[in-house]
Amino acid sequence: MGGVSVDSKVDFTAHAVLHKWPSLGNQRRPDRASYQVSEGTLDECISAFMEKPAPTRHLYDIHTAPQPPLVTDILSPEHIAELSRLREYL
């Protein structure tokens, strides 16, 4: 049977914002707030994230409306990479 189940559909056209954390020595600064880098659809923000150099991706996250169970309001770098792979299959 294969395929994607109804519960795992993700709306990649949903509004999203890519944020970057200030860093020191390529580490997040916990004493600083993240700031907006780009805004658009979830698809556009995932693409913008994936264009970043792999060694700096841990400094980014995406803020969007939750879409349970696969999309939370703040997507971690690991979660974004997973959604990028999922997007390739859909």
Protein backbone atom coordinates (compact mmCIF):
# COMPACT_ATOMS: atom_id res chain seq x y z
CA MET A 1 0.00 0.00 0.00
CA GLY A 2 2.60 2.90 0.31
CA GLY A 3 1.94 6.58 -0.11
CA VAL A 4 1.52 9.45 2.25
CA SER A 5 -1.38 9.25 4.69
CA VAL A 6 -3.89 12.06 5.05
CA ASP A 7 -2.51 13.04 8.48
CA SER A 8 0.98 13.62 7.11
CA LYS A 9 0.03 16.23 4.51
CA VAL A 10 1.87 19.49 4.96
CA ASP A 11 0.73 22.83 3.54
CA PHE A 12 3.97 24.14 2.07
CA THR A 13 2.16 27.34 0.98
CA ALA A 14 1.55 28.33 4.64
CA HIS A 15 3.09 31.62 5.79
CA ALA A 16 6.52 31.21 7.42
CA VAL A 17 9.50 33.26 8.57
CA LEU A 18 13.14 32.16 8.54
CA HIS A 19 15.02 33.34 11.63
CA LYS A 20 18.75 33.39 12.39
CA TRP A 21 20.31 33.40 15.83
CA PRO A 22 23.19 35.78 16.54
CA SER A 23 26.33 33.74 16.99
CA LEU A 24 29.80 33.87 18.44
CA GLY A 25 32.29 31.26 17.30
CA ASN A 26 29.54 29.62 15.19
CA GLN A 27 27.50 28.96 18.36
CA ARG A 28 24.08 30.43 19.14
CA ARG A 29 24.10 33.34 21.56
CA PRO A 30 21.48 32.38 24.19
CA ASP A 31 21.52 35.96 25.51
CA ARG A 32 20.28 37.35 22.18
CA ALA A 33 17.00 36.96 20.31
CA SER A 34 16.77 35.50 16.82
CA TYR A 35 15.98 37.88 13.98
CA GLN A 36 14.05 37.59 10.73
CA VAL A 37 16.09 36.74 7.62
CA SER A 38 13.29 36.12 5.13
CA GLU A 39 9.53 35.74 4.98
CA GLY A 40 7.27 33.88 2.58
CA THR A 41 5.78 30.42 2.25
CA LEU A 42 6.98 27.43 4.22
CA ASP A 43 8.35 26.07 0.92
CA GLU A 44 10.33 29.28 0.25
CA CYS A 45 11.72 29.36 3.80
CA ILE A 46 12.78 25.69 3.60
CA SER A 47 14.54 26.42 0.29
CA ALA A 48 16.28 29.50 1.74
CA PHE A 49 17.40 27.40 4.74
CA MET A 50 18.74 24.59 2.53
CA GLU A 51 20.79 27.16 0.54
CA LYS A 52 22.69 28.12 3.70
CA PRO A 53 26.07 26.45 4.20
CA ALA A 54 25.60 23.19 6.12
CA PRO A 55 28.02 24.21 8.94
CA THR A 56 25.84 27.27 9.76
CA ARG A 57 22.35 25.75 9.47
CA HIS A 58 22.16 25.13 13.24
CA LEU A 59 21.87 28.92 13.63
CA TYR A 60 18.49 29.04 11.84
CA ASP A 61 14.90 28.07 12.56
CA ILE A 62 11.55 28.61 10.87
CA HIS A 63 8.50 30.10 12.59
CA THR A 64 5.11 29.10 11.12
CA ALA A 65 1.58 28.10 12.11
CA PRO A 66 1.53 24.58 13.60
CA GLN A 67 0.25 21.77 11.37
CA PRO A 68 0.07 18.74 13.67
CA PRO A 69 1.57 16.21 13.72
CA LEU A 70 4.46 17.11 11.37
CA VAL A 71 4.86 20.88 11.69
CA THR A 72 5.41 22.71 14.97
CA ASP A 73 5.33 26.50 15.45
CA ILE A 74 9.15 26.70 15.55
CA LEU A 75 11.01 24.26 13.34
CA SER A 76 14.52 23.22 14.36
CA PRO A 77 17.27 22.78 11.75
CA GLU A 78 16.86 18.99 11.96
CA HIS A 79 13.11 19.27 11.49
CA ILE A 80 13.56 21.61 8.50
CA ALA A 81 15.92 19.11 6.84
CA GLU A 82 13.32 16.34 7.40
CA LEU A 83 10.56 18.47 5.84
CA SER A 84 12.86 19.24 2.91
CA ARG A 85 13.26 15.51 2.29
CA LEU A 86 9.50 14.95 2.67
CA ARG A 87 8.83 17.76 0.20
CA GLU A 88 10.94 15.96 -2.42
CA TYR A 89 8.63 12.93 -2.21
CA LEU A 90 5.37 14.87 -2.54
